[in-house]
């Protein structure tokens, strides 16, 4: 039987799941994971999201520990931090494992002679 996700890991992952619960923030995370560090201008290129909106969403992602910013010259550049995402994935894996085990027990009960 797989271990339950630790309460502390669940608490640490909750802000990650909340931050990723918005389509624009998912878009930003996807862009950063595909293209590496980007400026707000680069993140808004080809989208109908304003720079002001992207900045707001980046701040939410930063509060959840998913992105960090740095200055390159006069430009603020954002990059993805993967540690929080990896921990959230481990939490989801543990939850998924519990579901797999429950479904296996149900299958065994149904198929029992």
C-alpha atoms as a PDB file:
ATOM      1  CA  UNK A   1       0.000   0.000   0.000  1.00  0.00           C
ATOM      2  CA  UNK A   2       1.390   3.429  -0.954  1.00  0.00           C
ATOM      3  CA  UNK A   3       1.888   6.069   1.713  1.00  0.00           C
ATOM      4  CA  UNK A   4      -0.587   8.916   1.982  1.00  0.00           C
ATOM      5  CA  UNK A   5       0.743  12.310   0.937  1.00  0.00           C
ATOM      6  CA  UNK A   6       2.103  13.974   4.056  1.00  0.00           C
ATOM      7  CA  UNK A   7      -0.050  16.703   5.521  1.00  0.00           C
ATOM      8  CA  UNK A   8       2.825  19.177   5.218  1.00  0.00           C
ATOM      9  CA  UNK A   9       3.269  18.325   1.513  1.00  0.00           C
ATOM     10  CA  UNK A  10      -0.462  18.821   0.936  1.00  0.00           C
ATOM     11  CA  UNK A  11      -0.333  22.227   2.636  1.00  0.00           C
ATOM     12  CA  UNK A  12       2.720  23.277   0.624  1.00  0.00           C
ATOM     13  CA  UNK A  13       1.099  22.156  -2.636  1.00  0.00           C
ATOM     14  CA  UNK A  14      -2.281  23.831  -2.084  1.00  0.00           C
ATOM     15  CA  UNK A  15      -1.078  27.290  -3.251  1.00  0.00           C
ATOM     16  CA  UNK A  16       0.436  25.651  -6.350  1.00  0.00           C
ATOM     17  CA  UNK A  17      -2.869  24.015  -7.271  1.00  0.00           C
ATOM     18  CA  UNK A  18      -4.738  27.259  -6.577  1.00  0.00           C
ATOM     19  CA  UNK A  19      -2.340  29.253  -8.755  1.00  0.00           C
ATOM     20  CA  UNK A  20      -2.574  26.737 -11.578  1.00  0.00           C
ATOM     21  CA  UNK A  21      -6.368  26.837 -11.454  1.00  0.00           C
ATOM     22  CA  UNK A  22      -6.449  29.811 -13.831  1.00  0.00           C
ATOM     23  CA  UNK A  23      -6.180  29.419 -17.610  1.00  0.00           C
ATOM     24  CA  UNK A  24      -3.943  32.471 -18.045  1.00  0.00           C
ATOM     25  CA  UNK A  25      -1.527  31.291 -15.368  1.00  0.00           C
ATOM     26  CA  UNK A  26      -1.421  27.830 -16.940  1.00  0.00           C
ATOM     27  CA  UNK A  27      -0.627  29.528 -20.252  1.00  0.00           C
ATOM     28  CA  UNK A  28       2.213  31.501 -18.636  1.00  0.00           C
ATOM     29  CA  UNK A  29       3.650  28.380 -16.976  1.00  0.00           C
ATOM     30  CA  UNK A  30       3.421  26.526 -20.275  1.00  0.00           C
ATOM     31  CA  UNK A  31       5.232  29.329 -22.128  1.00  0.00           C
ATOM     32  CA  UNK A  32       7.982  29.444 -19.509  1.00  0.00           C
ATOM     33  CA  UNK A  33       8.402  25.674 -19.526  1.00  0.00           C
ATOM     34  CA  UNK A  34       8.688  25.625 -23.326  1.00  0.00           C
ATOM     35  CA  UNK A  35      10.789  28.720 -23.869  1.00  0.00           C
ATOM     36  CA  UNK A  36      12.860  29.243 -20.753  1.00  0.00           C
ATOM     37  CA  UNK A  37      13.168  32.636 -19.059  1.00  0.00           C
ATOM     38  CA  UNK A  38      11.100  35.374 -20.730  1.00  0.00           C
ATOM     39  CA  UNK A  39      10.256  39.005 -20.327  1.00  0.00           C
ATOM     40  CA  UNK A  40       6.661  40.149 -19.966  1.00  0.00           C
ATOM     41  CA  UNK A  41       6.811  41.404 -23.546  1.00  0.00           C
ATOM     42  CA  UNK A  42       7.840  37.955 -24.757  1.00  0.00           C
ATOM     43  CA  UNK A  43       5.142  36.301 -22.645  1.00  0.00           C
ATOM     44  CA  UNK A  44       2.429  38.505 -24.145  1.00  0.00           C
ATOM     45  CA  UNK A  45       3.585  38.205 -27.768  1.00  0.00           C
ATOM     46  CA  UNK A  46       0.956  36.404 -29.811  1.00  0.00           C
ATOM     47  CA  UNK A  47      -1.697  36.506 -27.102  1.00  0.00           C
ATOM     48  CA  UNK A  48      -4.557  38.820 -26.287  1.00  0.00           C
ATOM     49  CA  UNK A  49      -3.460  39.150 -22.653  1.00  0.00           C
ATOM     50  CA  UNK A  50      -2.155  42.566 -21.639  1.00  0.00           C
ATOM     51  CA  UNK A  51       1.212  43.085 -20.020  1.00  0.00           C
ATOM     52  CA  UNK A  52      -0.546  44.374 -16.906  1.00  0.00           C
ATOM     53  CA  UNK A  53      -2.612  41.170 -16.674  1.00  0.00           C
ATOM     54  CA  UNK A  54       0.428  38.947 -17.205  1.00  0.00           C
ATOM     55  CA  UNK A  55       2.296  40.867 -14.505  1.00  0.00           C
ATOM     56  CA  UNK A  56      -0.586  40.284 -12.092  1.00  0.00           C
ATOM     57  CA  UNK A  57      -0.627  36.563 -12.906  1.00  0.00           C
ATOM     58  CA  UNK A  58       3.154  36.298 -12.602  1.00  0.00           C
ATOM     59  CA  UNK A  59       2.945  37.773  -9.113  1.00  0.00           C
ATOM     60  CA  UNK A  60       0.379  35.118  -8.120  1.00  0.00           C
ATOM     61  CA  UNK A  61       2.664  32.416  -9.536  1.00  0.00           C
ATOM     62  CA  UNK A  62       5.630  33.923  -7.669  1.00  0.00           C
ATOM     63  CA  UNK A  63       3.652  33.909  -4.397  1.00  0.00           C
ATOM     64  CA  UNK A  64       3.016  30.185  -4.964  1.00  0.00           C
ATOM     65  CA  UNK A  65       6.751  29.621  -5.516  1.00  0.00           C
ATOM     66  CA  UNK A  66       6.367  28.695  -9.190  1.00  0.00           C
ATOM     67  CA  UNK A  67       8.309  31.523 -10.843  1.00  0.00           C
ATOM     68  CA  UNK A  68      11.018  34.003  -9.970  1.00  0.00           C
ATOM     69  CA  UNK A  69      12.132  37.190 -11.603  1.00  0.00           C
ATOM     70  CA  UNK A  70      15.481  38.797 -12.213  1.00  0.00           C
ATOM     71  CA  UNK A  71      16.667  41.891 -13.985  1.00  0.00           C
ATOM     72  CA  UNK A  72      18.665  41.661 -17.180  1.00  0.00           C
ATOM     73  CA  UNK A  73      19.627  45.210 -17.930  1.00  0.00           C
ATOM     74  CA  UNK A  74      16.408  47.237 -17.890  1.00  0.00           C
ATOM     75  CA  UNK A  75      14.218  44.222 -18.510  1.00  0.00           C
ATOM     76  CA  UNK A  76      12.553  42.058 -15.897  1.00  0.00           C
ATOM     77  CA  UNK A  77      12.819  38.373 -16.869  1.00  0.00           C
ATOM     78  CA  UNK A  78      10.731  35.565 -15.403  1.00  0.00           C
ATOM     79  CA  UNK A  79      11.656  31.911 -15.127  1.00  0.00           C
ATOM     80  CA  UNK A  80       9.938  28.772 -13.924  1.00  0.00           C
ATOM     81  CA  UNK A  81      10.947  27.222 -10.617  1.00  0.00           C
ATOM     82  CA  UNK A  82      10.353  23.491 -10.848  1.00  0.00           C
ATOM     83  CA  UNK A  83      10.753  22.407  -7.213  1.00  0.00           C
ATOM     84  CA  UNK A  84       7.182  23.338  -6.240  1.00  0.00           C
ATOM     85  CA  UNK A  85       5.788  21.704  -9.379  1.00  0.00           C
ATOM     86  CA  UNK A  86       7.722  18.521  -8.655  1.00  0.00           C
ATOM     87  CA  UNK A  87       6.413  18.365  -5.095  1.00  0.00           C
ATOM     88  CA  UNK A  88       2.841  18.968  -6.309  1.00  0.00           C
ATOM     89  CA  UNK A  89       3.310  16.157  -8.846  1.00  0.00           C
ATOM     90  CA  UNK A  90       4.424  13.811  -6.066  1.00  0.00           C
ATOM     91  CA  UNK A  91       1.290  14.706  -4.094  1.00  0.00           C
ATOM     92  CA  UNK A  92      -0.889  13.976  -7.126  1.00  0.00           C
ATOM     93  CA  UNK A  93       0.970  10.708  -7.700  1.00  0.00           C
ATOM     94  CA  UNK A  94       0.278   9.620  -4.103  1.00  0.00           C
ATOM     95  CA  UNK A  95      -3.408  10.527  -4.449  1.00  0.00           C
ATOM     96  CA  UNK A  96      -3.589   8.730  -7.786  1.00  0.00           C
ATOM     97  CA  UNK A  97      -1.988   5.657  -6.258  1.00  0.00           C
ATOM     98  CA  UNK A  98      -4.702   5.583  -3.586  1.00  0.00           C
ATOM     99  CA  UNK A  99      -7.368   5.662  -6.295  1.00  0.00           C
ATOM    100  CA  UNK A 100      -5.614   2.860  -8.174  1.00  0.00           C
ATOM    101  CA  UNK A 101      -5.548   0.761  -5.000  1.00  0.00           C
ATOM    102  CA  UNK A 102      -9.243   1.434  -4.299  1.00  0.00           C
ATOM    103  CA  UNK A 103     -10.203   0.487  -7.848  1.00  0.00           C
ATOM    104  CA  UNK A 104      -8.140  -2.691  -7.598  1.00  0.00           C
ATOM    105  CA  UNK A 105      -9.918  -3.661  -4.346  1.00  0.00           C
ATOM    106  CA  UNK A 106     -13.282  -2.971  -6.000  1.00  0.00           C
ATOM    107  CA  UNK A 107     -12.324  -5.088  -9.029  1.00  0.00           C
ATOM    108  CA  UNK A 108     -11.222  -7.931  -6.759  1.00  0.00           C
ATOM    109  CA  UNK A 109     -14.518  -7.801  -4.840  1.00  0.00           C
ATOM    110  CA  UNK A 110     -16.600  -7.793  -8.021  1.00  0.00           C
ATOM    111  CA  UNK A 111     -14.658 -10.625  -9.630  1.00  0.00           C
ATOM    112  CA  UNK A 112     -14.652 -12.779  -6.499  1.00  0.00           C
ATOM    113  CA  UNK A 113     -16.571 -16.072  -7.003  1.00  0.00           C
END
